Amino acid sequence: MAGMDNLKKTAQKGLLGGVICGATAFVGALVGGPIGLGIGSAVGGAISAHLLRFRSAPDVVLNDFTPNERTDLLERARRAAVDTKEAVIKMLLQIISALLKCRSKEELIDRVLLPILKQLAEIGITSLLRYITGA
């Protein structure tokens, strides 16, 4: 279980680092345009790396997980990949069907964009719940 706790810490710190990097990239883009975007990203990445100092996921899995925990993690990842693949194929078919019927920007938003966003949210929530429950 220590391995899973360390992996969760890695994911949390990685997410926080991404938020910091994204925020500095955004500010850089506002201030300096495309060049500011690049500079903001680099600065945010450097700040995140320095402040957060965390281990990579492969390092945690290889050094902190028992062989049984690695097998369990692999099986969970396989199930998540299958679920995601099926959802993506379904979503692509819906997009193609909706695009063929659209005649205006409003229809495009209502028939394509909003359903995609809803579907992505559902996929994310379902995957998160499966990860948490171990189902």
Protein backbone atom coordinates (compact mmCIF):
# COMPACT_ATOMS: atom_id res chain seq x y z
CA MET A 1 0.00 0.00 0.00
CA ALA A 2 2.92 2.38 0.52
CA GLY A 3 3.57 2.14 -3.20
CA MET A 4 0.05 3.28 -4.05
CA ASP A 5 0.29 6.16 -1.57
CA ASN A 6 3.57 7.27 -3.15
CA LEU A 7 2.02 7.00 -6.62
CA LYS A 8 -0.91 9.18 -5.50
CA LYS A 9 1.55 11.75 -4.13
CA THR A 10 3.39 11.71 -7.45
CA ALA A 11 0.13 12.26 -9.34
CA GLN A 12 -0.91 15.09 -7.03
CA LYS A 13 2.44 16.87 -7.26
CA GLY A 14 2.51 16.34 -11.02
CA LEU A 15 -0.94 17.89 -11.33
CA LEU A 16 0.07 20.83 -9.14
CA GLY A 17 3.20 21.30 -11.23
CA GLY A 18 1.08 21.30 -14.38
CA VAL A 19 -1.23 23.92 -12.92
CA ILE A 20 1.73 26.13 -11.96
CA CYS A 21 3.28 25.69 -15.39
CA GLY A 22 -0.03 26.37 -17.14
CA ALA A 23 -0.68 29.48 -15.07
CA THR A 24 2.74 30.96 -15.78
CA ALA A 25 2.38 30.07 -19.48
CA PHE A 26 -0.98 31.85 -19.54
CA VAL A 27 0.41 34.97 -17.88
CA GLY A 28 3.42 34.87 -20.18
CA ALA A 29 1.16 34.63 -23.23
CA LEU A 30 -0.94 37.57 -22.07
CA VAL A 31 2.12 39.73 -21.47
CA GLY A 32 4.40 38.62 -24.28
CA GLY A 33 2.32 36.84 -26.90
CA PRO A 34 3.75 33.64 -28.42
CA ILE A 35 7.27 34.32 -27.09
CA GLY A 36 5.84 35.02 -23.63
CA LEU A 37 3.98 31.72 -23.81
CA GLY A 38 7.24 29.85 -24.31
CA ILE A 39 9.06 31.80 -21.63
CA GLY A 40 6.17 31.45 -19.17
CA SER A 41 6.05 27.70 -19.77
CA ALA A 42 9.77 27.31 -19.21
CA VAL A 43 9.75 29.46 -16.07
CA GLY A 44 6.69 27.65 -14.67
CA GLY A 45 8.22 24.27 -15.38
CA ALA A 46 11.47 25.23 -13.69
CA ILE A 47 9.65 26.64 -10.66
CA SER A 48 7.49 23.52 -10.38
CA ALA A 49 10.45 21.17 -10.68
CA HIS A 50 12.38 23.07 -8.03
CA LEU A 51 9.55 23.49 -5.51
CA LEU A 52 7.81 20.14 -5.79
CA ARG A 53 10.68 17.64 -6.12
CA PHE A 54 8.84 14.38 -6.61
CA ARG A 55 9.65 10.98 -8.06
CA SER A 56 8.43 9.79 -11.43
CA ALA A 57 5.62 7.25 -11.64
CA PRO A 58 7.87 4.56 -13.18
CA ASP A 59 10.37 5.02 -10.34
CA VAL A 60 7.61 4.62 -7.75
CA VAL A 61 6.14 1.56 -9.46
CA LEU A 62 9.51 -0.15 -9.92
CA ASN A 63 10.87 0.56 -6.44
CA ASP A 64 7.86 0.78 -4.10
CA PHE A 65 5.37 -1.74 -5.50
CA THR A 66 5.40 -5.44 -4.78
CA PRO A 67 5.06 -7.77 -7.78
CA ASN A 68 1.39 -8.38 -6.87
CA GLU A 69 0.70 -4.63 -6.68
CA ARG A 70 2.33 -4.15 -10.09
CA THR A 71 0.13 -6.89 -11.56
CA ASP A 72 -2.97 -5.31 -10.00
CA LEU A 73 -2.01 -1.88 -11.33
CA LEU A 74 -1.45 -3.31 -14.81
CA GLU A 75 -4.86 -4.98 -14.80
CA ARG A 76 -6.55 -1.76 -13.71
CA ALA A 77 -4.75 0.13 -16.48
CA ARG A 78 -5.86 -2.46 -19.05
CA ARG A 79 -9.51 -2.16 -17.97
CA ALA A 80 -9.30 1.63 -18.10
CA ALA A 81 -7.77 1.49 -21.59
CA VAL A 82 -10.52 -0.81 -22.91
CA ASP A 83 -13.24 1.38 -21.39
CA THR A 84 -11.65 4.51 -22.80
CA LYS A 85 -11.18 2.97 -26.26
CA GLU A 86 -14.84 1.96 -26.47
CA ALA A 87 -15.97 5.40 -25.31
CA VAL A 88 -13.71 7.16 -27.83
CA ILE A 89 -15.00 5.06 -30.74
CA LYS A 90 -18.60 5.74 -29.69
CA MET A 91 -17.83 9.45 -29.41
CA LEU A 92 -16.19 9.59 -32.85
CA LEU A 93 -19.20 7.96 -34.46
CA GLN A 94 -21.48 10.48 -32.74
CA ILE A 95 -19.29 13.35 -33.93
CA ILE A 96 -19.31 12.19 -37.54
CA SER A 97 -23.06 11.68 -37.48
CA ALA A 98 -23.66 15.10 -35.92
CA LEU A 99 -21.28 16.88 -38.30
CA LEU A 100 -23.17 15.51 -41.29
CA LYS A 101 -26.37 17.09 -39.96
CA CYS A 102 -25.05 20.53 -38.94
CA ARG A 103 -26.03 23.58 -40.98
CA SER A 104 -24.91 26.43 -38.67
CA LYS A 105 -22.48 27.32 -35.87
CA GLU A 106 -25.27 27.04 -33.33
CA GLU A 107 -26.13 23.54 -34.49
CA LEU A 108 -22.43 22.63 -34.42
CA ILE A 109 -22.19 23.74 -30.79
CA ASP A 110 -25.44 22.04 -29.75
CA ARG A 111 -25.00 18.79 -31.68
CA VAL A 112 -21.22 18.33 -31.53
CA LEU A 113 -19.34 20.43 -29.00
CA LEU A 114 -21.65 20.16 -25.98
CA PRO A 115 -22.18 16.39 -26.30
CA ILE A 116 -18.41 15.88 -26.63
CA LEU A 117 -17.74 17.86 -23.49
CA LYS A 118 -20.43 15.94 -21.63
CA GLN A 119 -19.03 12.61 -22.81
CA LEU A 120 -15.48 13.56 -21.83
CA ALA A 121 -16.68 14.53 -18.37
CA GLU A 122 -18.47 11.20 -17.99
CA ILE A 123 -15.40 9.25 -19.12
CA GLY A 124 -13.23 11.10 -16.64
CA ILE A 125 -15.63 10.57 -13.76
CA THR A 126 -16.14 6.88 -14.57
CA SER A 127 -12.40 6.24 -14.82
CA LEU A 128 -11.75 8.08 -11.58
CA LEU A 129 -14.46 6.11 -9.75
CA ARG A 130 -13.11 2.82 -11.05
CA TYR A 131 -9.59 3.77 -10.00
CA ILE A 132 -10.71 4.75 -6.50
CA THR A 133 -12.87 1.68 -5.95
CA GLY A 134 -10.49 -0.72 -7.67
CA ALA A 135 -13.35 -2.08 -9.78
